[in-house]
C-alpha cells in the first residue's frame, strides 16, 4: 500500500473515531442509567430517538430529549428532530435524558411498584441484620455524600497554561493543530474548553457551538476539547510520511 493510500485510510479512520461518541442514557420514568451507549455526532435527533425506543420502553413520538453535561447540568432541549447530536454539542461522557410523556409506556409500568405486596419486617429484627441498606449506608458514608456543585472553574489551572497560537496535539487521536480559543463555553457545560484549528479535516466543527462562533474555520477543521485533552508544545504540521507513525499511535 502506498504512503498516500495509508494516509487516506488513516484520515477515514480518524474521521470515524471523531464521529463516534459514547453517551449515558437516563429516563424520567426509570431509576436506572445506561452508560456509554454509542452514537454518531452526525446522527439526527429523530434517528437517535428511534435507536432509543427498545432501550427505554417508549416510542419515539413520546420522547423529549435533553442533553446534560458530565455534572448533570442541562445544556439544552434537543427538540429539533432534523438537527444532529453534534450540533447540540454532544461529546463523550455527556447524558441524553429521555423525558417519557406516554403515561402508558412499558417503562412506567415496569417502574410502578405501587401494586406489589410489600414484605414487612419488625424493626428490631431489621436492625439486627447485617445485610440491610441501612447497615451498608453506615459502612460506606462516602457513597452517600451530597453531590458537589458544578465547578464553573473546572480545569482553569490547565487552561491557564494554554495560549491562543500554541501548537498542540489531541491526546486521543494524535491530530495536530493550533489553539484558537481558550475559555468557557456555556453551550457545552461548566468550566474551561479549548478550541483547536486542526491541520487536517478530522474535527466536528467550523469553530461554532450551537450557532455561536468562537473562532472561524472550514467545516471539520474545528474541534473543542477540555484543556486536559490536548498537549501544547512543538507539534509541527505532519508530512504524509508521518502517517504510519500516527496510525500506530491511534491503534495502540
Protein backbone atom coordinates (compact mmCIF):
# COMPACT_ATOMS: atom_id res chain seq x y z
CA UNK A 1 0.00 0.00 0.00
CA UNK A 2 1.45 3.40 -0.95
CA UNK A 3 2.11 6.11 1.61
CA UNK A 4 -0.65 8.20 0.01
CA UNK A 5 -3.15 5.33 0.39
CA UNK A 6 -2.11 4.79 4.00
CA UNK A 7 -2.70 8.47 4.70
CA UNK A 8 -6.19 8.32 3.13
CA UNK A 9 -7.08 5.21 5.19
CA UNK A 10 -5.80 6.94 8.30
CA UNK A 11 -7.88 10.03 7.56
CA UNK A 12 -11.00 7.87 7.19
CA UNK A 13 -10.23 6.10 10.48
CA UNK A 14 -9.69 9.38 12.33
CA UNK A 15 -12.94 10.76 10.94
CA UNK A 16 -14.75 7.62 12.12
CA UNK A 17 -13.20 7.81 15.61
CA UNK A 18 -14.01 11.50 15.94
CA UNK A 19 -17.59 10.91 14.73
CA UNK A 20 -18.40 8.26 17.36
CA UNK A 21 -19.42 9.42 20.84
CA UNK A 22 -20.38 7.50 23.97
CA UNK A 23 -23.32 8.95 25.89
CA UNK A 24 -25.08 7.84 29.06
CA UNK A 25 -28.86 7.42 28.91
CA UNK A 26 -31.33 8.26 31.68
CA UNK A 27 -35.12 8.14 31.53
CA UNK A 28 -37.64 10.16 33.54
CA UNK A 29 -39.71 7.04 34.20
CA UNK A 30 -36.79 4.79 35.19
CA UNK A 31 -34.31 4.97 38.05
CA UNK A 32 -31.55 3.14 36.16
CA UNK A 33 -28.85 4.67 33.96
CA UNK A 34 -27.50 3.10 30.76
CA UNK A 35 -23.81 4.02 30.44
CA UNK A 36 -21.67 4.64 27.36
CA UNK A 37 -24.14 3.99 24.55
CA UNK A 38 -22.53 4.67 21.16
CA UNK A 39 -23.98 7.29 18.85
CA UNK A 40 -22.74 9.28 15.87
CA UNK A 41 -22.19 13.05 16.12
CA UNK A 42 -23.91 13.34 12.73
CA UNK A 43 -26.92 11.29 13.85
CA UNK A 44 -30.16 13.27 13.77
CA UNK A 45 -32.34 13.62 16.84
CA UNK A 46 -35.08 11.67 15.05
CA UNK A 47 -32.65 8.81 14.40
CA UNK A 48 -31.40 8.88 18.00
CA UNK A 49 -34.98 8.59 19.26
CA UNK A 50 -35.61 5.54 17.08
CA UNK A 51 -32.46 3.84 18.37
CA UNK A 52 -33.59 4.55 21.94
CA UNK A 53 -37.06 3.02 21.59
CA UNK A 54 -36.11 -0.56 22.54
CA UNK A 55 -33.75 0.61 25.26
CA UNK A 56 -36.15 2.87 27.16
CA UNK A 57 -39.51 1.19 26.55
CA UNK A 58 -41.40 4.05 24.94
CA UNK A 59 -41.96 5.14 21.35
CA UNK A 60 -40.06 7.95 19.65
CA UNK A 61 -43.11 10.21 19.40
CA UNK A 62 -43.41 10.20 23.20
CA UNK A 63 -39.80 11.23 23.83
CA UNK A 64 -38.45 14.65 24.69
CA UNK A 65 -34.63 14.66 24.78
CA UNK A 66 -32.40 16.79 26.97
CA UNK A 67 -28.60 16.96 26.78
CA UNK A 68 -26.76 17.09 30.11
CA UNK A 69 -23.07 17.64 30.78
CA UNK A 70 -20.83 15.44 32.92
CA UNK A 71 -22.09 17.17 36.07
CA UNK A 72 -25.74 16.55 35.27
CA UNK A 73 -26.48 20.12 34.25
CA UNK A 74 -29.00 20.58 31.45
CA UNK A 75 -27.28 22.10 28.41
CA UNK A 76 -30.46 22.30 26.38
CA UNK A 77 -33.53 20.60 24.96
CA UNK A 78 -32.87 18.67 21.75
CA UNK A 79 -36.29 19.39 20.29
CA UNK A 80 -35.45 19.72 16.59
CA UNK A 81 -35.64 16.25 15.03
CA UNK A 82 -33.69 17.42 11.98
CA UNK A 83 -30.67 18.68 13.95
CA UNK A 84 -27.74 16.39 14.82
CA UNK A 85 -26.35 15.39 18.20
CA UNK A 86 -23.13 17.19 17.29
CA UNK A 87 -24.95 20.44 16.58
CA UNK A 88 -26.24 20.43 20.16
CA UNK A 89 -22.68 19.97 21.50
CA UNK A 90 -22.84 16.28 22.46
CA UNK A 91 -19.42 14.86 23.42
CA UNK A 92 -18.12 11.76 25.20
CA UNK A 93 -19.41 11.45 28.77
CA UNK A 94 -22.50 13.62 28.31
CA UNK A 95 -26.01 12.28 29.05
CA UNK A 96 -29.15 12.08 26.97
CA UNK A 97 -32.08 12.39 29.38
CA UNK A 98 -35.29 10.99 27.91
CA UNK A 99 -38.50 12.58 29.20
CA UNK A 100 -41.22 9.96 28.73
CA UNK A 101 -44.53 11.70 28.00
CA UNK A 102 -46.54 8.50 27.46
CA UNK A 103 -48.46 7.58 30.67
CA UNK A 104 -48.98 4.04 29.38
CA UNK A 105 -45.39 3.32 28.34
CA UNK A 106 -43.84 -0.02 29.21
CA UNK A 107 -41.11 1.76 31.18
CA UNK A 108 -43.61 3.37 33.55
CA UNK A 109 -45.47 0.09 34.03
CA UNK A 110 -42.24 -1.69 34.95
CA UNK A 111 -41.23 1.04 37.38
CA UNK A 112 -44.63 1.31 39.14
CA UNK A 113 -44.45 -0.97 42.20
CA UNK A 114 -47.47 0.53 43.95
CA UNK A 115 -49.50 -2.62 43.32
CA UNK A 116 -46.86 -5.01 44.62
CA UNK A 117 -47.49 -6.56 48.04
CA UNK A 118 -44.56 -5.50 50.17
CA UNK A 119 -42.78 -7.70 52.65
CA UNK A 120 -42.65 -6.24 56.15
CA UNK A 121 -40.21 -7.00 58.94
CA UNK A 122 -40.22 -5.99 62.58
CA UNK A 123 -37.94 -3.02 63.29
CA UNK A 124 -35.83 -4.85 65.90
CA UNK A 125 -35.22 -7.78 63.56
CA UNK A 126 -34.33 -5.38 60.77
CA UNK A 127 -31.78 -3.58 62.97
CA UNK A 128 -30.21 -6.90 63.98
CA UNK A 129 -29.43 -7.86 60.39
CA UNK A 130 -26.08 -7.05 58.75
CA UNK A 131 -27.27 -7.21 55.14
CA UNK A 132 -29.63 -4.23 55.12
CA UNK A 133 -29.35 -1.00 53.17
CA UNK A 134 -29.13 0.96 56.42
CA UNK A 135 -26.07 -1.03 57.51
CA UNK A 136 -24.49 -0.66 54.08
CA UNK A 137 -25.03 3.11 54.23
CA UNK A 138 -23.45 3.28 57.70
CA UNK A 139 -20.38 1.36 56.48
CA UNK A 140 -20.00 3.40 53.28
CA UNK A 141 -20.85 7.02 54.14
CA UNK A 142 -18.65 8.37 51.33
CA UNK A 143 -21.05 6.88 48.76
CA UNK A 144 -23.91 8.99 50.05
CA UNK A 145 -22.32 12.40 50.31
CA UNK A 146 -24.28 15.23 48.61
CA UNK A 147 -23.21 15.84 45.02
CA UNK A 148 -20.73 18.65 44.62
CA UNK A 149 -22.00 21.80 42.93
CA UNK A 150 -20.94 22.28 39.30
CA UNK A 151 -17.48 23.82 39.11
CA UNK A 152 -17.51 26.93 36.93
CA UNK A 153 -13.70 26.91 37.02
CA UNK A 154 -13.26 23.26 36.03
CA UNK A 155 -9.75 22.81 34.52
CA UNK A 156 -9.00 26.52 34.85
CA UNK A 157 -5.49 25.64 36.08
CA UNK A 158 -4.77 23.66 32.91
CA UNK A 159 -6.37 26.32 30.72
CA UNK A 160 -4.06 28.96 32.23
CA UNK A 161 -1.08 27.13 30.71
CA UNK A 162 -2.52 27.27 27.18
CA UNK A 163 -2.43 30.33 24.94
CA UNK A 164 -4.06 31.18 21.64
CA UNK A 165 -1.50 30.49 18.93
CA UNK A 166 0.07 27.48 20.70
CA UNK A 167 0.68 24.43 18.57
CA UNK A 168 -0.95 21.37 20.06
CA UNK A 169 -1.77 17.69 19.68
CA UNK A 170 -5.03 15.98 20.66
CA UNK A 171 -4.22 13.27 23.19
CA UNK A 172 -6.69 10.69 21.91
CA UNK A 173 -6.46 10.99 18.13
CA UNK A 174 -2.93 12.49 17.84
CA UNK A 175 -4.40 15.06 15.41
CA UNK A 176 -2.45 18.33 15.42
CA UNK A 177 -3.39 21.95 15.09
CA UNK A 178 -3.28 25.45 16.53
CA UNK A 179 -5.11 26.75 19.60
CA UNK A 180 -7.67 29.36 18.54
CA UNK A 181 -9.75 29.76 21.70
CA UNK A 182 -9.27 29.22 25.44
CA UNK A 183 -12.13 29.91 27.81
CA UNK A 184 -15.64 29.00 28.86
CA UNK A 185 -18.27 27.64 26.50
CA UNK A 186 -21.62 27.64 28.35
CA UNK A 187 -23.26 25.76 25.48
CA UNK A 188 -21.06 22.73 26.24
CA UNK A 189 -21.09 22.79 30.05
CA UNK A 190 -19.26 24.21 33.04
CA UNK A 191 -15.59 25.01 33.17
CA UNK A 192 -12.97 25.72 30.52
CA UNK A 193 -12.54 24.45 26.97
CA UNK A 194 -10.01 24.82 24.17
CA UNK A 195 -10.89 25.46 20.52
CA UNK A 196 -8.44 23.94 18.07
CA UNK A 197 -7.95 24.67 14.37
CA UNK A 198 -6.83 21.27 13.07
CA UNK A 199 -4.28 20.76 10.31
CA UNK A 200 -6.50 18.12 8.70
CA UNK A 201 -10.33 17.95 8.35
CA UNK A 202 -10.82 15.40 11.12
CA UNK A 203 -12.79 17.59 13.53
CA UNK A 204 -16.51 18.10 14.08
CA UNK A 205 -16.94 21.87 13.98
CA UNK A 206 -16.48 25.06 12.00
CA UNK A 207 -15.48 26.96 15.13
CA UNK A 208 -19.06 27.42 16.36
CA UNK A 209 -21.11 25.73 19.08
CA UNK A 210 -24.89 25.85 18.66
CA UNK A 211 -24.63 28.77 16.23
CA UNK A 212 -22.30 30.80 18.49
CA UNK A 213 -18.91 31.35 16.85
CA UNK A 214 -15.75 31.08 18.97
CA UNK A 215 -13.37 31.11 16.01
CA UNK A 216 -13.73 30.75 12.25
CA UNK A 217 -12.58 27.80 10.16
CA UNK A 218 -13.73 25.47 7.42
CA UNK A 219 -16.14 22.64 8.39
CA UNK A 220 -14.44 19.68 10.14
CA UNK A 221 -11.27 21.70 10.78
CA UNK A 222 -12.52 22.78 14.22
CA UNK A 223 -12.56 20.85 17.49
CA UNK A 224 -13.49 21.77 21.08
CA UNK A 225 -11.97 19.77 23.94
CA UNK A 226 -11.11 20.10 27.60
CA UNK A 227 -7.64 21.51 28.33
CA UNK A 228 -6.58 18.11 29.66
CA UNK A 229 -7.37 16.54 26.28
CA UNK A 230 -4.53 18.29 24.43
CA UNK A 231 -0.78 18.71 24.73
CA UNK A 232 0.84 22.01 23.78
CA UNK A 233 4.39 22.30 22.51
CA UNK A 234 6.47 21.77 19.39
CA UNK A 235 3.97 19.94 17.21
CA UNK A 236 4.68 20.98 13.60
CA UNK A 237 2.37 20.16 10.71
CA UNK A 238 2.84 16.49 9.84
CA UNK A 239 4.12 15.32 6.48
CA UNK A 240 2.44 12.45 4.66
CA UNK A 241 5.48 10.33 5.56
CA UNK A 242 4.46 10.60 9.23
CA UNK A 243 1.14 8.82 8.62
CA UNK A 244 2.43 5.38 9.60
CA UNK A 245 3.61 6.67 12.98
CA UNK A 246 0.28 8.37 13.71
CA UNK A 247 -1.63 5.27 12.69
CA UNK A 248 0.45 3.21 15.09
CA UNK A 249 -0.38 5.63 17.93
CA UNK A 250 -4.13 5.58 17.18
CA UNK A 251 -4.49 1.83 17.07
CA UNK A 252 -2.35 1.11 20.14
